[in-house]
Amino acid sequence: MDARGFGDLEAVVMDRVWRRTSPTTVREVFEELSGERSIAYTTVLSTMDNLHRKGWLERERAGRAYRYRAVLTREQYSARLMREALGRGGRADLVLAHFVDGISAEESDSLHAALCRRGHRACE
């Protein structure tokens, strides 16, 4: 499962799936999206099927339809993107330095707290 990013429609569909607290059907996602844009049911169906084949969505049969749920949470997906970017970005120390330069004080506090939860030496 490559986390390099979703296509535009894949990102919209994943956002809808992540917003839900329980598995969803193509029909439910279609009805939500069709209120905002002109889109065909078959387009949503093929997008969700593609996301399933790529490993981003799991599905289970529910009568004649499938119910889909995300394999990763939105936060797990974002963390995977960050990890892959770090691996592809050249020198990890410089990538991290540029990243830290661009975050807010609140985000910096969150990063520090996450490091401390993992017992990082920066917290000793």
PDB file of N, CA and C in Angstrom:
ATOM      1  N   MET A   1       0.856  -1.170   0.000  1.00  0.00           N
ATOM      2  CA  MET A   1       0.000   0.000   0.000  1.00  0.00           C
ATOM      3  C   MET A   1       0.902   1.234   0.000  1.00  0.00           C
ATOM      4  N   ASP A   2       0.997   1.856  -1.132  1.00  0.00           N
ATOM      5  CA  ASP A   2       1.831   3.052  -1.294  1.00  0.00           C
ATOM      6  C   ASP A   2       1.043   4.266  -0.822  1.00  0.00           C
ATOM      7  N   ALA A   3       1.619   5.053   0.045  1.00  0.00           N
ATOM      8  CA  ALA A   3       0.906   6.192   0.645  1.00  0.00           C
ATOM      9  C   ALA A   3       1.209   7.510  -0.043  1.00  0.00           C
ATOM     10  N   ARG A   4       1.654   7.490  -1.277  1.00  0.00           N
ATOM     11  CA  ARG A   4       2.070   8.745  -1.923  1.00  0.00           C
ATOM     12  C   ARG A   4       0.943   9.735  -2.140  1.00  0.00           C
ATOM     13  N   GLY A   5      -0.221   9.365  -1.855  1.00  0.00           N
ATOM     14  CA  GLY A   5      -1.324  10.301  -2.008  1.00  0.00           C
ATOM     15  C   GLY A   5      -2.402   9.723  -2.893  1.00  0.00           C
ATOM     16  N   PHE A   6      -3.583  10.212  -2.699  1.00  0.00           N
ATOM     17  CA  PHE A   6      -4.725   9.774  -3.479  1.00  0.00           C
ATOM     18  C   PHE A   6      -4.945  10.729  -4.638  1.00  0.00           C
ATOM     19  N   GLY A   7      -5.627  10.236  -5.666  1.00  0.00           N
ATOM     20  CA  GLY A   7      -6.112  11.123  -6.708  1.00  0.00           C
ATOM     21  C   GLY A   7      -7.181  12.027  -6.103  1.00  0.00           C
ATOM     22  N   ASP A   8      -7.598  13.044  -6.849  1.00  0.00           N
ATOM     23  CA  ASP A   8      -8.562  14.013  -6.317  1.00  0.00           C
ATOM     24  C   ASP A   8      -9.847  13.354  -5.820  1.00  0.00           C
ATOM     25  N   LEU A   9     -10.464  12.515  -6.654  1.00  0.00           N
ATOM     26  CA  LEU A   9     -11.719  11.880  -6.257  1.00  0.00           C
ATOM     27  C   LEU A   9     -11.483  10.846  -5.160  1.00  0.00           C
ATOM     28  N   GLU A  10     -10.370  10.124  -5.227  1.00  0.00           N
ATOM     29  CA  GLU A  10     -10.047   9.174  -4.161  1.00  0.00           C
ATOM     30  C   GLU A  10      -9.943   9.893  -2.819  1.00  0.00           C
ATOM     31  N   ALA A  11      -9.328  11.059  -2.812  1.00  0.00           N
ATOM     32  CA  ALA A  11      -9.184  11.830  -1.569  1.00  0.00           C
ATOM     33  C   ALA A  11     -10.545  12.258  -1.030  1.00  0.00           C
ATOM     34  N   VAL A  12     -11.441  12.664  -1.910  1.00  0.00           N
ATOM     35  CA  VAL A  12     -12.782  13.076  -1.487  1.00  0.00           C
ATOM     36  C   VAL A  12     -13.535  11.883  -0.906  1.00  0.00           C
ATOM     37  N   VAL A  13     -13.453  10.739  -1.575  1.00  0.00           N
ATOM     38  CA  VAL A  13     -14.136   9.533  -1.099  1.00  0.00           C
ATOM     39  C   VAL A  13     -13.551   9.090   0.243  1.00  0.00           C
ATOM     40  N   MET A  14     -12.221   9.072   0.353  1.00  0.00           N
ATOM     41  CA  MET A  14     -11.607   8.670   1.621  1.00  0.00           C
ATOM     42  C   MET A  14     -12.022   9.615   2.745  1.00  0.00           C
ATOM     43  N   ASP A  15     -12.123  10.906   2.454  1.00  0.00           N
ATOM     44  CA  ASP A  15     -12.575  11.858   3.464  1.00  0.00           C
ATOM     45  C   ASP A  15     -13.965  11.487   3.962  1.00  0.00           C
ATOM     46  N   ARG A  16     -14.852  11.121   3.049  1.00  0.00           N
ATOM     47  CA  ARG A  16     -16.216  10.736   3.435  1.00  0.00           C
ATOM     48  C   ARG A  16     -16.211   9.460   4.266  1.00  0.00           C
ATOM     49  N   VAL A  17     -15.382   8.506   3.893  1.00  0.00           N
ATOM     50  CA  VAL A  17     -15.300   7.252   4.646  1.00  0.00           C
ATOM     51  C   VAL A  17     -14.741   7.524   6.041  1.00  0.00           C
ATOM     52  N   TRP A  18     -13.701   8.338   6.130  1.00  0.00           N
ATOM     53  CA  TRP A  18     -13.096   8.650   7.429  1.00  0.00           C
ATOM     54  C   TRP A  18     -14.047   9.413   8.341  1.00  0.00           C
ATOM     55  N   ARG A  19     -14.925  10.206   7.793  1.00  0.00           N
ATOM     56  CA  ARG A  19     -15.867  10.981   8.613  1.00  0.00           C
ATOM     57  C   ARG A  19     -16.900  10.092   9.302  1.00  0.00           C
ATOM     58  N   ARG A  20     -17.138   8.933   8.749  1.00  0.00           N
ATOM     59  CA  ARG A  20     -18.181   8.052   9.285  1.00  0.00           C
ATOM     60  C   ARG A  20     -17.647   7.221  10.445  1.00  0.00           C
ATOM     61  N   THR A  21     -18.529   6.905  11.378  1.00  0.00           N
ATOM     62  CA  THR A  21     -18.123   6.103  12.535  1.00  0.00           C
ATOM     63  C   THR A  21     -18.374   4.617  12.325  1.00  0.00           C
ATOM     64  N   SER A  22     -19.030   4.273  11.231  1.00  0.00           N
ATOM     65  CA  SER A  22     -19.297   2.866  10.930  1.00  0.00           C
ATOM     66  C   SER A  22     -19.104   2.647   9.432  1.00  0.00           C
ATOM     67  N   PRO A  23     -18.971   1.385   9.014  1.00  0.00           N
ATOM     68  CA  PRO A  23     -18.792   1.118   7.579  1.00  0.00           C
ATOM     69  C   PRO A  23     -19.920   1.729   6.749  1.00  0.00           C
ATOM     70  N   THR A  24     -19.597   2.075   5.513  1.00  0.00           N
ATOM     71  CA  THR A  24     -20.534   2.787   4.646  1.00  0.00           C
ATOM     72  C   THR A  24     -20.665   2.088   3.300  1.00  0.00           C
ATOM     73  N   THR A  25     -21.730   2.378   2.606  1.00  0.00           N
ATOM     74  CA  THR A  25     -21.954   1.808   1.278  1.00  0.00           C
ATOM     75  C   THR A  25     -21.617   2.834   0.198  1.00  0.00           C
ATOM     76  N   VAL A  26     -21.482   2.334  -1.015  1.00  0.00           N
ATOM     77  CA  VAL A  26     -21.279   3.222  -2.162  1.00  0.00           C
ATOM     78  C   VAL A  26     -22.460   4.183  -2.269  1.00  0.00           C
ATOM     79  N   ARG A  27     -23.662   3.678  -2.072  1.00  0.00           N
ATOM     80  CA  ARG A  27     -24.868   4.507  -2.183  1.00  0.00           C
ATOM     81  C   ARG A  27     -24.810   5.676  -1.199  1.00  0.00           C
ATOM     82  N   GLU A  28     -24.410   5.425   0.031  1.00  0.00           N
ATOM     83  CA  GLU A  28     -24.346   6.492   1.038  1.00  0.00           C
ATOM     84  C   GLU A  28     -23.320   7.559   0.655  1.00  0.00           C
ATOM     85  N   VAL A  29     -22.169   7.121   0.183  1.00  0.00           N
ATOM     86  CA  VAL A  29     -21.143   8.084  -0.242  1.00  0.00           C
ATOM     87  C   VAL A  29     -21.629   8.845  -1.470  1.00  0.00           C
ATOM     88  N   PHE A  30     -22.227   8.129  -2.417  1.00  0.00           N
ATOM     89  CA  PHE A  30     -22.757   8.769  -3.623  1.00  0.00           C
ATOM     90  C   PHE A  30     -23.792   9.837  -3.266  1.00  0.00           C
ATOM     91  N   GLU A  31     -24.735   9.505  -2.390  1.00  0.00           N
ATOM     92  CA  GLU A  31     -25.783  10.464  -2.035  1.00  0.00           C
ATOM     93  C   GLU A  31     -25.199  11.719  -1.390  1.00  0.00           C
ATOM     94  N   GLU A  32     -24.182  11.533  -0.571  1.00  0.00           N
ATOM     95  CA  GLU A  32     -23.526  12.685   0.048  1.00  0.00           C
ATOM     96  C   GLU A  32     -22.835  13.554  -1.002  1.00  0.00           C
ATOM     97  N   LEU A  33     -22.084  12.910  -1.895  1.00  0.00           N
ATOM     98  CA  LEU A  33     -21.325  13.654  -2.905  1.00  0.00           C
ATOM     99  C   LEU A  33     -22.225  14.290  -3.954  1.00  0.00           C
ATOM    100  N   SER A  34     -23.297  13.604  -4.323  1.00  0.00           N
ATOM    101  CA  SER A  34     -24.159  14.128  -5.394  1.00  0.00           C
ATOM    102  C   SER A  34     -24.877  15.405  -4.968  1.00  0.00           C
ATOM    103  N   GLY A  35     -24.966  15.654  -3.673  1.00  0.00           N
ATOM    104  CA  GLY A  35     -25.529  16.908  -3.188  1.00  0.00           C
ATOM    105  C   GLY A  35     -24.577  18.079  -3.353  1.00  0.00           C
ATOM    106  N   GLU A  36     -23.300  17.780  -3.617  1.00  0.00           N
ATOM    107  CA  GLU A  36     -22.278  18.821  -3.725  1.00  0.00           C
ATOM    108  C   GLU A  36     -21.733  18.997  -5.132  1.00  0.00           C
ATOM    109  N   ARG A  37     -21.848  17.962  -5.946  1.00  0.00           N
ATOM    110  CA  ARG A  37     -21.252  17.999  -7.283  1.00  0.00           C
ATOM    111  C   ARG A  37     -22.001  17.044  -8.197  1.00  0.00           C
ATOM    112  N   SER A  38     -21.810  17.232  -9.471  1.00  0.00           N
ATOM    113  CA  SER A  38     -22.389  16.325 -10.456  1.00  0.00           C
ATOM    114  C   SER A  38     -21.471  15.112 -10.564  1.00  0.00           C
ATOM    115  N   ILE A  39     -21.986  13.959 -10.156  1.00  0.00           N
ATOM    116  CA  ILE A  39     -21.175  12.746 -10.159  1.00  0.00           C
ATOM    117  C   ILE A  39     -22.083  11.544 -10.377  1.00  0.00           C
ATOM    118  N   ALA A  40     -21.598  10.566 -11.100  1.00  0.00           N
ATOM    119  CA  ALA A  40     -22.369   9.359 -11.381  1.00  0.00           C
ATOM    120  C   ALA A  40     -22.134   8.320 -10.289  1.00  0.00           C
ATOM    121  N   TYR A  41     -23.164   7.537 -10.013  1.00  0.00           N
ATOM    122  CA  TYR A  41     -23.046   6.454  -9.043  1.00  0.00           C
ATOM    123  C   TYR A  41     -21.908   5.519  -9.438  1.00  0.00           C
ATOM    124  N   THR A  42     -21.818   5.201 -10.727  1.00  0.00           N
ATOM    125  CA  THR A  42     -20.781   4.265 -11.184  1.00  0.00           C
ATOM    126  C   THR A  42     -19.373   4.819 -10.968  1.00  0.00           C
ATOM    127  N   THR A  43     -19.225   6.130 -10.989  1.00  0.00           N
ATOM    128  CA  THR A  43     -17.918   6.744 -10.723  1.00  0.00           C
ATOM    129  C   THR A  43     -17.512   6.517  -9.269  1.00  0.00           C
ATOM    130  N   VAL A  44     -18.461   6.705  -8.359  1.00  0.00           N
ATOM    131  CA  VAL A  44     -18.183   6.457  -6.940  1.00  0.00           C
ATOM    132  C   VAL A  44     -17.912   4.974  -6.722  1.00  0.00           C
ATOM    133  N   LEU A  45     -18.703   4.119  -7.366  1.00  0.00           N
ATOM    134  CA  LEU A  45     -18.520   2.672  -7.266  1.00  0.00           C
ATOM    135  C   LEU A  45     -17.125   2.257  -7.712  1.00  0.00           C
ATOM    136  N   SER A  46     -16.704   2.727  -8.875  1.00  0.00           N
ATOM    137  CA  SER A  46     -15.384   2.329  -9.379  1.00  0.00           C
ATOM    138  C   SER A  46     -14.264   2.918  -8.521  1.00  0.00           C
ATOM    139  N   THR A  47     -14.452   4.116  -8.003  1.00  0.00           N
ATOM    140  CA  THR A  47     -13.438   4.723  -7.132  1.00  0.00           C
ATOM    141  C   THR A  47     -13.284   3.920  -5.849  1.00  0.00           C
ATOM    142  N   MET A  48     -14.399   3.542  -5.247  1.00  0.00           N
ATOM    143  CA  MET A  48     -14.319   2.762  -4.013  1.00  0.00           C
ATOM    144  C   MET A  48     -13.776   1.364  -4.280  1.00  0.00           C
ATOM    145  N   ASP A  49     -14.115   0.788  -5.424  1.00  0.00           N
ATOM    146  CA  ASP A  49     -13.562  -0.518  -5.790  1.00  0.00           C
ATOM    147  C   ASP A  49     -12.051  -0.416  -5.990  1.00  0.00           C
ATOM    148  N   ASN A  50     -11.603   0.644  -6.649  1.00  0.00           N
ATOM    149  CA  ASN A  50     -10.159   0.855  -6.836  1.00  0.00           C
ATOM    150  C   ASN A  50      -9.449   1.014  -5.492  1.00  0.00           C
ATOM    151  N   LEU A  51     -10.033   1.779  -4.588  1.00  0.00           N
ATOM    152  CA  LEU A  51      -9.437   1.956  -3.261  1.00  0.00           C
ATOM    153  C   LEU A  51      -9.377   0.629  -2.505  1.00  0.00           C
ATOM    154  N   HIS A  52     -10.378  -0.213  -2.717  1.00  0.00           N
ATOM    155  CA  HIS A  52     -10.364  -1.551  -2.108  1.00  0.00           C
ATOM    156  C   HIS A  52      -9.238  -2.400  -2.705  1.00  0.00           C
ATOM    157  N   ARG A  53      -9.116  -2.400  -4.020  1.00  0.00           N
ATOM    158  CA  ARG A  53      -8.063  -3.185  -4.681  1.00  0.00           C
ATOM    159  C   ARG A  53      -6.668  -2.702  -4.298  1.00  0.00           C
ATOM    160  N   LYS A  54      -6.526  -1.404  -4.049  1.00  0.00           N
ATOM    161  CA  LYS A  54      -5.231  -0.841  -3.647  1.00  0.00           C
ATOM    162  C   LYS A  54      -4.920  -1.094  -2.169  1.00  0.00           C
ATOM    163  N   GLY A  55      -5.899  -1.608  -1.421  1.00  0.00           N
ATOM    164  CA  GLY A  55      -5.677  -1.922  -0.017  1.00  0.00           C
ATOM    165  C   GLY A  55      -6.043  -0.823   0.961  1.00  0.00           C
ATOM    166  N   TRP A  56      -6.676   0.248   0.489  1.00  0.00           N
ATOM    167  CA  TRP A  56      -7.039   1.361   1.372  1.00  0.00           C
ATOM    168  C   TRP A  56      -8.390   1.159   2.045  1.00  0.00           C
ATOM    169  N   LEU A  57      -9.273   0.404   1.411  1.00  0.00           N
ATOM    170  CA  LEU A  57     -10.588   0.127   1.982  1.00  0.00           C
ATOM    171  C   LEU A  57     -10.777  -1.377   2.130  1.00  0.00           C
ATOM    172  N   GLU A  58     -11.417  -1.778   3.225  1.00  0.00           N
ATOM    173  CA  GLU A  58     -11.871  -3.157   3.389  1.00  0.00           C
ATOM    174  C   GLU A  58     -13.364  -3.152   3.125  1.00  0.00           C
ATOM    175  N   ARG A  59     -13.874  -4.289   2.689  1.00  0.00           N
ATOM    176  CA  ARG A  59     -15.312  -4.344   2.464  1.00  0.00           C
ATOM    177  C   ARG A  59     -15.850  -5.695   2.906  1.00  0.00           C
ATOM    178  N   GLU A  60     -17.116  -5.666   3.297  1.00  0.00           N
ATOM    179  CA  GLU A  60     -17.813  -6.894   3.654  1.00  0.00           C
ATOM    180  C   GLU A  60     -19.202  -6.834   3.046  1.00  0.00           C
ATOM    181  N   ARG A  61     -19.679  -7.984   2.656  1.00  0.00           N
ATOM    182  CA  ARG A  61     -20.987  -8.083   2.019  1.00  0.00           C
ATOM    183  C   ARG A  61     -22.069  -7.773   3.050  1.00  0.00           C
ATOM    184  N   ALA A  62     -23.020  -6.952   2.643  1.00  0.00           N
ATOM    185  CA  ALA A  62     -24.184  -6.618   3.472  1.00  0.00           C
ATOM    186  C   ALA A  62     -25.407  -6.695   2.569  1.00  0.00           C
ATOM    187  N   GLY A  63     -26.002  -7.870   2.479  1.00  0.00           N
ATOM    188  CA  GLY A  63     -27.095  -8.065   1.534  1.00  0.00           C
ATOM    189  C   GLY A  63     -26.551  -8.062   0.121  1.00  0.00           C
ATOM    190  N   ARG A  64     -27.092  -7.196  -0.717  1.00  0.00           N
ATOM    191  CA  ARG A  64     -26.625  -7.115  -2.106  1.00  0.00           C
ATOM    192  C   ARG A  64     -25.508  -6.098  -2.292  1.00  0.00           C
ATOM    193  N   ALA A  65     -25.190  -5.361  -1.269  1.00  0.00           N
ATOM    194  CA  ALA A  65     -24.167  -4.312  -1.366  1.00  0.00           C
ATOM    195  C   ALA A  65     -22.960  -4.684  -0.505  1.00  0.00           C
ATOM    196  N   TYR A  66     -21.927  -3.890  -0.639  1.00  0.00           N
ATOM    197  CA  TYR A  66     -20.770  -3.995   0.244  1.00  0.00           C
ATOM    198  C   TYR A  66     -20.780  -2.812   1.197  1.00  0.00           C
ATOM    199  N   ARG A  67     -20.265  -3.041   2.392  1.00  0.00           N
ATOM    200  CA  ARG A  67     -20.027  -1.959   3.346  1.00  0.00           C
ATOM    201  C   ARG A  67     -18.519  -1.806   3.431  1.00  0.00           C
ATOM    202  N   TYR A  68     -18.060  -0.570   3.272  1.00  0.00           N
ATOM    203  CA  TYR A  68     -16.629  -0.262   3.221  1.00  0.00           C
ATOM    204  C   TYR A  68     -16.186   0.463   4.484  1.00  0.00           C
ATOM    205  N   ARG A  69     -14.944   0.203   4.876  1.00  0.00           N
ATOM    206  CA  ARG A  69     -14.323   0.959   5.958  1.00  0.00           C
ATOM    207  C   ARG A  69     -12.857   1.140   5.616  1.00  0.00           C
ATOM    208  N   ALA A  70     -12.274   2.205   6.130  1.00  0.00           N
ATOM    209  CA  ALA A  70     -10.862   2.498   5.872  1.00  0.00           C
ATOM    210  C   ALA A  70      -9.982   1.515   6.641  1.00  0.00           C
ATOM    211  N   VAL A  71      -8.903   1.078   6.004  1.00  0.00           N
ATOM    212  CA  VAL A  71      -7.943   0.187   6.650  1.00  0.00           C
ATOM    213  C   VAL A  71      -7.148   0.958   7.703  1.00  0.00           C
ATOM    214  N   LEU A  72      -6.780   2.189   7.383  1.00  0.00           N
ATOM    215  CA  LEU A  72      -6.039   3.054   8.302  1.00  0.00           C
ATOM    216  C   LEU A  72      -6.907   4.243   8.693  1.00  0.00           C
ATOM    217  N   THR A  73      -6.680   4.777   9.883  1.00  0.00           N
ATOM    218  CA  THR A  73      -7.332   6.032  10.244  1.00  0.00           C
ATOM    219  C   THR A  73      -6.694   7.157   9.427  1.00  0.00           C
ATOM    220  N   ARG A  74      -7.345   8.287   9.404  1.00  0.00           N
ATOM    221  CA  ARG A  74      -6.791   9.456   8.716  1.00  0.00           C
ATOM    222  C   ARG A  74      -5.410   9.802   9.293  1.00  0.00           C
ATOM    223  N   GLU A  75      -5.273   9.686  10.606  1.00  0.00           N
ATOM    224  CA  GLU A  75      -4.007  10.018  11.263  1.00  0.00           C
ATOM    225  C   GLU A  75      -2.914   9.006  10.921  1.00  0.00           C
ATOM    226  N   GLN A  76      -3.273   7.730  10.857  1.00  0.00           N
ATOM    227  CA  GLN A  76      -2.291   6.713  10.462  1.00  0.00           C
ATOM    228  C   GLN A  76      -1.835   6.935   9.022  1.00  0.00           C
ATOM    229  N   TYR A  77      -2.772   7.293   8.159  1.00  0.00           N
ATOM    230  CA  TYR A  77      -2.431   7.584   6.764  1.00  0.00           C
ATOM    231  C   TYR A  77      -1.481   8.784   6.688  1.00  0.00           C
ATOM    232  N   SER A  78      -1.790   9.845   7.430  1.00  0.00           N
ATOM    233  CA  SER A  78      -0.933  11.034   7.425  1.00  0.00           C
ATOM    234  C   SER A  78       0.463  10.704   7.933  1.00  0.00           C
ATOM    235  N   ALA A  79       0.532   9.888   8.981  1.00  0.00           N
ATOM    236  CA  ALA A  79       1.839   9.488   9.512  1.00  0.00           C
ATOM    237  C   ALA A  79       2.622   8.681   8.480  1.00  0.00           C
ATOM    238  N   ARG A  80       1.934   7.824   7.743  1.00  0.00           N
ATOM    239  CA  ARG A  80       2.605   7.042   6.703  1.00  0.00           C
ATOM    240  C   ARG A  80       3.138   7.956   5.602  1.00  0.00           C
ATOM    241  N   LEU A  81       2.360   8.951   5.210  1.00  0.00           N
ATOM    242  CA  LEU A  81       2.831   9.921   4.214  1.00  0.00           C
ATOM    243  C   LEU A  81       4.090  10.630   4.704  1.00  0.00           C
ATOM    244  N   MET A  82       4.071  11.037   5.968  1.00  0.00           N
ATOM    245  CA  MET A  82       5.227  11.733   6.537  1.00  0.00           C
ATOM    246  C   MET A  82       6.449  10.822   6.557  1.00  0.00           C
ATOM    247  N   ARG A  83       6.241   9.563   6.926  1.00  0.00           N
ATOM    248  CA  ARG A  83       7.357   8.615   6.984  1.00  0.00           C
ATOM    249  C   ARG A  83       7.943   8.390   5.596  1.00  0.00           C
ATOM    250  N   GLU A  84       7.075   8.216   4.594  1.00  0.00           N
ATOM    251  CA  GLU A  84       7.557   8.007   3.228  1.00  0.00           C
ATOM    252  C   GLU A  84       8.269   9.246   2.702  1.00  0.00           C
ATOM    253  N   ALA A  85       7.753  10.428   3.026  1.00  0.00           N
ATOM    254  CA  ALA A  85       8.416  11.665   2.598  1.00  0.00           C
ATOM    255  C   ALA A  85       9.789  11.779   3.242  1.00  0.00           C
ATOM    256  N   LEU A  86       9.888  11.403   4.493  1.00  0.00           N
ATOM    257  CA  LEU A  86      11.175  11.441   5.188  1.00  0.00           C
ATOM    258  C   LEU A  86      12.170  10.491   4.524  1.00  0.00           C
ATOM    259  N   GLY A  87      11.691   9.331   4.110  1.00  0.00           N
ATOM    260  CA  GLY A  87      12.557   8.353   3.459  1.00  0.00           C
ATOM    261  C   GLY A  87      13.005   8.757   2.068  1.00  0.00           C
ATOM    262  N   ARG A  88      12.215   9.577   1.389  1.00  0.00           N
ATOM    263  CA  ARG A  88      12.531   9.983   0.014  1.00  0.00           C
ATOM    264  C   ARG A  88      13.156  11.365  -0.066  1.00  0.00           C
ATOM    265  N   GLY A  89      13.201  12.083   1.028  1.00  0.00           N
ATOM    266  CA  GLY A  89      13.519  13.505   0.976  1.00  0.00           C
ATOM    267  C   GLY A  89      14.975  13.886   1.046  1.00  0.00           C
ATOM    268  N   GLY A  90      15.876  12.947   0.984  1.00  0.00           N
ATOM    269  CA  GLY A  90      17.291  13.297   1.111  1.00  0.00           C
ATOM    270  C   GLY A  90      17.755  13.051   2.534  1.00  0.00           C
ATOM    271  N   ARG A  91      18.556  13.956   3.053  1.00  0.00           N
ATOM    272  CA  ARG A  91      19.085  13.795   4.413  1.00  0.00           C
ATOM    273  C   ARG A  91      17.974  13.986   5.438  1.00  0.00           C
ATOM    274  N   ALA A  92      17.731  12.951   6.214  1.00  0.00           N
ATOM    275  CA  ALA A  92      16.635  12.975   7.183  1.00  0.00           C
ATOM    276  C   ALA A  92      16.798  14.106   8.194  1.00  0.00           C
ATOM    277  N   ASP A  93      18.035  14.386   8.623  1.00  0.00           N
ATOM    278  CA  ASP A  93      18.231  15.449   9.612  1.00  0.00           C
ATOM    279  C   ASP A  93      17.817  16.810   9.060  1.00  0.00           C
ATOM    280  N   LEU A  94      18.111  17.059   7.780  1.00  0.00           N
ATOM    281  CA  LEU A  94      17.727  18.340   7.171  1.00  0.00           C
ATOM    282  C   LEU A  94      16.228  18.406   6.902  1.00  0.00           C
ATOM    283  N   VAL A  95      15.661  17.292   6.449  1.00  0.00           N
ATOM    284  CA  VAL A  95      14.213  17.254   6.223  1.00  0.00           C
ATOM    285  C   VAL A  95      13.488  17.551   7.530  1.00  0.00           C
ATOM    286  N   LEU A  96      13.906  16.900   8.601  1.00  0.00           N
ATOM    287  CA  LEU A  96      13.266  17.129   9.902  1.00  0.00           C
ATOM    288  C   LEU A  96      13.467  18.556  10.390  1.00  0.00           C
ATOM    289  N   ALA A  97      14.656  19.111  10.174  1.00  0.00           N
ATOM    290  CA  ALA A  97      14.912  20.496  10.586  1.00  0.00           C
ATOM    291  C   ALA A  97      13.988  21.456   9.846  1.00  0.00           C
ATOM    292  N   HIS A  98      13.814  21.261   8.542  1.00  0.00           N
ATOM    293  CA  HIS A  98      12.902  22.121   7.775  1.00  0.00           C
ATOM    294  C   HIS A  98      11.458  21.927   8.229  1.00  0.00           C
ATOM    295  N   PHE A  99      11.105  20.690   8.520  1.00  0.00           N
ATOM    296  CA  PHE A  99       9.753  20.411   9.000  1.00  0.00           C
ATOM    297  C   PHE A  99       9.493  21.151  10.312  1.00  0.00           C
ATOM    298  N   VAL A 100      10.404  21.021  11.260  1.00  0.00           N
ATOM    299  CA  VAL A 100      10.239  21.650  12.572  1.00  0.00           C
ATOM    300  C   VAL A 100      10.212  23.172  12.442  1.00  0.00           C
ATOM    301  N   ASP A 101      10.991  23.719  11.514  1.00  0.00           N
ATOM    302  CA  ASP A 101      10.970  25.172  11.294  1.00  0.00           C
ATOM    303  C   ASP A 101       9.597  25.664  10.841  1.00  0.00           C
ATOM    304  N   GLY A 102       8.825  24.791  10.218  1.00  0.00           N
ATOM    305  CA  GLY A 102       7.549  25.211   9.657  1.00  0.00           C
ATOM    306  C   GLY A 102       6.331  24.917  10.507  1.00  0.00           C
ATOM    307  N   ILE A 103       6.514  24.358  11.702  1.00  0.00           N
ATOM    308  CA  ILE A 103       5.343  24.022  12.509  1.00  0.00           C
ATOM    309  C   ILE A 103       5.091  25.089  13.575  1.00  0.00           C
ATOM    310  N   SER A 104       3.854  25.119  14.039  1.00  0.00           N
ATOM    311  CA  SER A 104       3.462  26.106  15.057  1.00  0.00           C
ATOM    312  C   SER A 104       3.979  25.677  16.431  1.00  0.00           C
ATOM    313  N   ALA A 105       3.884  26.578  17.384  1.00  0.00           N
ATOM    314  CA  ALA A 105       4.284  26.271  18.761  1.00  0.00           C
ATOM    315  C   ALA A 105       3.425  25.137  19.320  1.00  0.00           C
ATOM    316  N   GLU A 106       2.144  25.159  19.007  1.00  0.00           N
ATOM    317  CA  GLU A 106       1.241  24.100  19.474  1.00  0.00           C
ATOM    318  C   GLU A 106       1.634  22.749  18.871  1.00  0.00           C
ATOM    319  N   GLU A 107       1.942  22.744  17.574  1.00  0.00           N
ATOM    320  CA  GLU A 107       2.379  21.504  16.929  1.00  0.00           C
ATOM    321  C   GLU A 107       3.713  21.033  17.499  1.00  0.00           C
ATOM    322  N   SER A 108       4.591  21.973  17.811  1.00  0.00           N
ATOM    323  CA  SER A 108       5.871  21.637  18.430  1.00  0.00           C
ATOM    324  C   SER A 108       5.656  20.984  19.797  1.00  0.00           C
ATOM    325  N   ASP A 109       4.722  21.527  20.577  1.00  0.00           N
ATOM    326  CA  ASP A 109       4.395  20.934  21.877  1.00  0.00           C
ATOM    327  C   ASP A 109       3.843  19.519  21.707  1.00  0.00           C
ATOM    328  N   SER A 110       3.008  19.326  20.699  1.00  0.00           N
ATOM    329  CA  SER A 110       2.455  17.995  20.428  1.00  0.00           C
ATOM    330  C   SER A 110       3.555  17.017  20.033  1.00  0.00           C
ATOM    331  N   LEU A 111       4.488  17.483  19.213  1.00  0.00           N
ATOM    332  CA  LEU A 111       5.616  16.643  18.807  1.00  0.00           C
ATOM    333  C   LEU A 111       6.462  16.274  20.023  1.00  0.00           C
ATOM    334  N   HIS A 112       6.747  17.244  20.868  1.00  0.00           N
ATOM    335  CA  HIS A 112       7.531  16.992  22.079  1.00  0.00           C
ATOM    336  C   HIS A 112       6.814  15.980  22.978  1.00  0.00           C
ATOM    337  N   ALA A 113       5.521  16.140  23.162  1.00  0.00           N
ATOM    338  CA  ALA A 113       4.747  15.216  23.997  1.00  0.00           C
ATOM    339  C   ALA A 113       4.771  13.805  23.416  1.00  0.00           C
ATOM    340  N   ALA A 114       4.679  13.684  22.094  1.00  0.00           N
ATOM    341  CA  ALA A 114       4.728  12.364  21.450  1.00  0.00           C
ATOM    342  C   ALA A 114       6.081  11.705  21.674  1.00  0.00           C
ATOM    343  N   LEU A 115       7.150  12.486  21.562  1.00  0.00           N
ATOM    344  CA  LEU A 115       8.493  11.949  21.817  1.00  0.00           C
ATOM    345  C   LEU A 115       8.624  11.498  23.274  1.00  0.00           C
ATOM    346  N   CYS A 116       8.085  12.266  24.188  1.00  0.00           N
ATOM    347  CA  CYS A 116       8.165  11.914  25.611  1.00  0.00           C
ATOM    348  C   CYS A 116       7.372  10.638  25.914  1.00  0.00           C
ATOM    349  N   ARG A 117       6.219  10.477  25.278  1.00  0.00           N
ATOM    350  CA  ARG A 117       5.426   9.256  25.480  1.00  0.00           C
ATOM    351  C   ARG A 117       6.200   8.017  25.046  1.00  0.00           C
ATOM    352  N   ARG A 118       7.090   8.195  24.086  1.00  0.00           N
ATOM    353  CA  ARG A 118       7.903   7.073  23.605  1.00  0.00           C
ATOM    354  C   ARG A 118       9.200   6.934  24.389  1.00  0.00           C
ATOM    355  N   GLY A 119       9.383   7.740  25.434  1.00  0.00           N
ATOM    356  CA  GLY A 119      10.575   7.648  26.263  1.00  0.00           C
ATOM    357  C   GLY A 119      11.821   8.191  25.592  1.00  0.00           C
ATOM    358  N   HIS A 120      11.645   9.157  24.711  1.00  0.00           N
ATOM    359  CA  HIS A 120      12.776   9.734  23.977  1.00  0.00           C
ATOM    360  C   HIS A 120      13.719  10.475  24.918  1.00  0.00           C
ATOM    361  N   ARG A 121      14.988  10.454  24.611  1.00  0.00           N
ATOM    362  CA  ARG A 121      15.995  11.098  25.474  1.00  0.00           C
ATOM    363  C   ARG A 121      15.842  12.618  25.535  1.00  0.00           C
ATOM    364  N   ALA A 122      15.124  13.221  24.591  1.00  0.00           N
ATOM    365  CA  ALA A 122      14.894  14.670  24.623  1.00  0.00           C
ATOM    366  C   ALA A 122      14.061  15.070  25.837  1.00  0.00           C
ATOM    367  N   CYS A 123      13.450  14.104  26.487  1.00  0.00           N
ATOM    368  CA  CYS A 123      12.570  14.391  27.625  1.00  0.00           C
ATOM    369  C   CYS A 123      13.230  14.090  28.962  1.00  0.00           C
ATOM    370  N   GLU A 124      14.468  13.684  28.945  1.00  0.00           N
ATOM    371  CA  GLU A 124      15.152  13.319  30.200  1.00  0.00           C
ATOM    372  C   GLU A 124      15.573  14.541  30.969  1.00  0.00           C
TER     373      GLU A 124
END
